Amino acid sequence: LRVPAVFIVDGRPLPSLRGTIIVLHDAGFDPDETIDWLLTPEETIGVAPIEALLAGRKSEVRRVAATLA
């Protein structure tokens, strides 16, 4: 089992990641699709969702994720 390094901040999982993963799971994403979505630039956000989460844009990322169902 491997976790992308960008998901870890100060030795711990990025706090906003958990809820975002739940939203993606609720939208029907499997674990591989979830990781792919988080790491791939998203046109509606302007950057990869993980970059937006790292920048504190949790609500925006989750809003977009919720529309993917």
C-alpha atoms as a PDB file:
ATOM      1  CA  LEU A   1       0.000   0.000   0.000  1.00  0.00           C
ATOM      2  CA  ARG A   2       1.405   3.379  -1.010  1.00  0.00           C
ATOM      3  CA  VAL A   3       0.213   6.885  -0.289  1.00  0.00           C
ATOM      4  CA  PRO A   4       1.261   9.755  -2.556  1.00  0.00           C
ATOM      5  CA  ALA A   5       3.718  11.946  -0.647  1.00  0.00           C
ATOM      6  CA  VAL A   6       1.716  15.054  -1.495  1.00  0.00           C
ATOM      7  CA  PHE A   7      -1.113  13.687   0.696  1.00  0.00           C
ATOM      8  CA  ILE A   8       1.136  13.950   3.774  1.00  0.00           C
ATOM      9  CA  VAL A   9       1.848  17.268   5.511  1.00  0.00           C
ATOM     10  CA  ASP A  10       4.113  17.444   8.548  1.00  0.00           C
ATOM     11  CA  GLY A  11       4.099  13.656   8.813  1.00  0.00           C
ATOM     12  CA  ARG A  12       0.295  13.387   8.895  1.00  0.00           C
ATOM     13  CA  PRO A  13      -2.415  13.036   6.243  1.00  0.00           C
ATOM     14  CA  LEU A  14      -3.700  16.384   4.981  1.00  0.00           C
ATOM     15  CA  PRO A  15      -6.747  17.034   7.229  1.00  0.00           C
ATOM     16  CA  SER A  16      -9.056  18.111   4.387  1.00  0.00           C
ATOM     17  CA  LEU A  17      -8.338  14.912   2.481  1.00  0.00           C
ATOM     18  CA  ARG A  18     -10.607  12.650   4.553  1.00  0.00           C
ATOM     19  CA  GLY A  19     -13.846  14.514   3.878  1.00  0.00           C
ATOM     20  CA  THR A  20     -12.952  15.015   0.234  1.00  0.00           C
ATOM     21  CA  ILE A  21     -12.360  11.287  -0.199  1.00  0.00           C
ATOM     22  CA  ILE A  22     -15.751  10.605   1.408  1.00  0.00           C
ATOM     23  CA  VAL A  23     -17.438  12.967  -1.082  1.00  0.00           C
ATOM     24  CA  LEU A  24     -15.694  11.210  -3.983  1.00  0.00           C
ATOM     25  CA  HIS A  25     -16.659   7.788  -2.599  1.00  0.00           C
ATOM     26  CA  ASP A  26     -20.284   8.954  -2.348  1.00  0.00           C
ATOM     27  CA  ALA A  27     -20.025  10.037  -6.010  1.00  0.00           C
ATOM     28  CA  GLY A  28     -19.085   6.470  -6.938  1.00  0.00           C
ATOM     29  CA  PHE A  29     -15.297   6.786  -7.235  1.00  0.00           C
ATOM     30  CA  ASP A  30     -13.182   3.762  -6.357  1.00  0.00           C
ATOM     31  CA  PRO A  31      -9.810   4.274  -4.594  1.00  0.00           C
ATOM     32  CA  ASP A  32      -7.780   4.402  -7.829  1.00  0.00           C
ATOM     33  CA  GLU A  33     -10.197   6.862  -9.457  1.00  0.00           C
ATOM     34  CA  THR A  34     -10.095   9.001  -6.315  1.00  0.00           C
ATOM     35  CA  ILE A  35      -6.305   9.255  -6.381  1.00  0.00           C
ATOM     36  CA  ASP A  36      -6.313   9.970 -10.108  1.00  0.00           C
ATOM     37  CA  TRP A  37      -8.881  12.749  -9.695  1.00  0.00           C
ATOM     38  CA  LEU A  38      -7.004  14.353  -6.816  1.00  0.00           C
ATOM     39  CA  LEU A  39      -3.728  14.405  -8.755  1.00  0.00           C
ATOM     40  CA  THR A  40      -5.023  15.439 -12.197  1.00  0.00           C
ATOM     41  CA  PRO A  41      -5.561  19.121 -13.034  1.00  0.00           C
ATOM     42  CA  GLU A  42      -9.268  19.928 -12.862  1.00  0.00           C
ATOM     43  CA  GLU A  43     -10.470  22.560 -15.316  1.00  0.00           C
ATOM     44  CA  THR A  44     -13.158  23.969 -13.008  1.00  0.00           C
ATOM     45  CA  ILE A  45     -10.623  24.449 -10.185  1.00  0.00           C
ATOM     46  CA  GLY A  46      -7.697  25.560 -12.327  1.00  0.00           C
ATOM     47  CA  VAL A  47      -5.193  23.207 -10.676  1.00  0.00           C
ATOM     48  CA  ALA A  48      -5.091  19.614  -9.463  1.00  0.00           C
ATOM     49  CA  PRO A  49      -7.565  19.202  -6.586  1.00  0.00           C
ATOM     50  CA  ILE A  50      -4.752  18.211  -4.194  1.00  0.00           C
ATOM     51  CA  GLU A  51      -3.011  21.515  -4.939  1.00  0.00           C
ATOM     52  CA  ALA A  52      -6.221  23.387  -4.144  1.00  0.00           C
ATOM     53  CA  LEU A  53      -6.606  21.428  -0.890  1.00  0.00           C
ATOM     54  CA  LEU A  54      -3.044  22.261   0.087  1.00  0.00           C
ATOM     55  CA  ALA A  55      -3.872  25.932  -0.584  1.00  0.00           C
ATOM     56  CA  GLY A  56      -6.869  25.784   1.774  1.00  0.00           C
ATOM     57  CA  ARG A  57      -9.575  25.642  -0.905  1.00  0.00           C
ATOM     58  CA  LYS A  58     -11.398  22.679   0.658  1.00  0.00           C
ATOM     59  CA  SER A  59     -14.957  23.913   0.060  1.00  0.00           C
ATOM     60  CA  GLU A  60     -14.335  24.586  -3.624  1.00  0.00           C
ATOM     61  CA  VAL A  61     -12.806  21.148  -4.163  1.00  0.00           C
ATOM     62  CA  ARG A  62     -15.657  19.394  -2.385  1.00  0.00           C
ATOM     63  CA  ARG A  63     -18.278  21.383  -4.314  1.00  0.00           C
ATOM     64  CA  VAL A  64     -16.728  20.221  -7.590  1.00  0.00           C
ATOM     65  CA  ALA A  65     -16.337  16.644  -6.342  1.00  0.00           C
ATOM     66  CA  ALA A  66     -19.999  16.523  -5.340  1.00  0.00           C
ATOM     67  CA  THR A  67     -21.073  17.366  -8.900  1.00  0.00           C
ATOM     68  CA  LEU A  68     -19.237  14.350 -10.326  1.00  0.00           C
ATOM     69  CA  ALA A  69     -21.876  11.796  -9.329  1.00  0.00           C
END
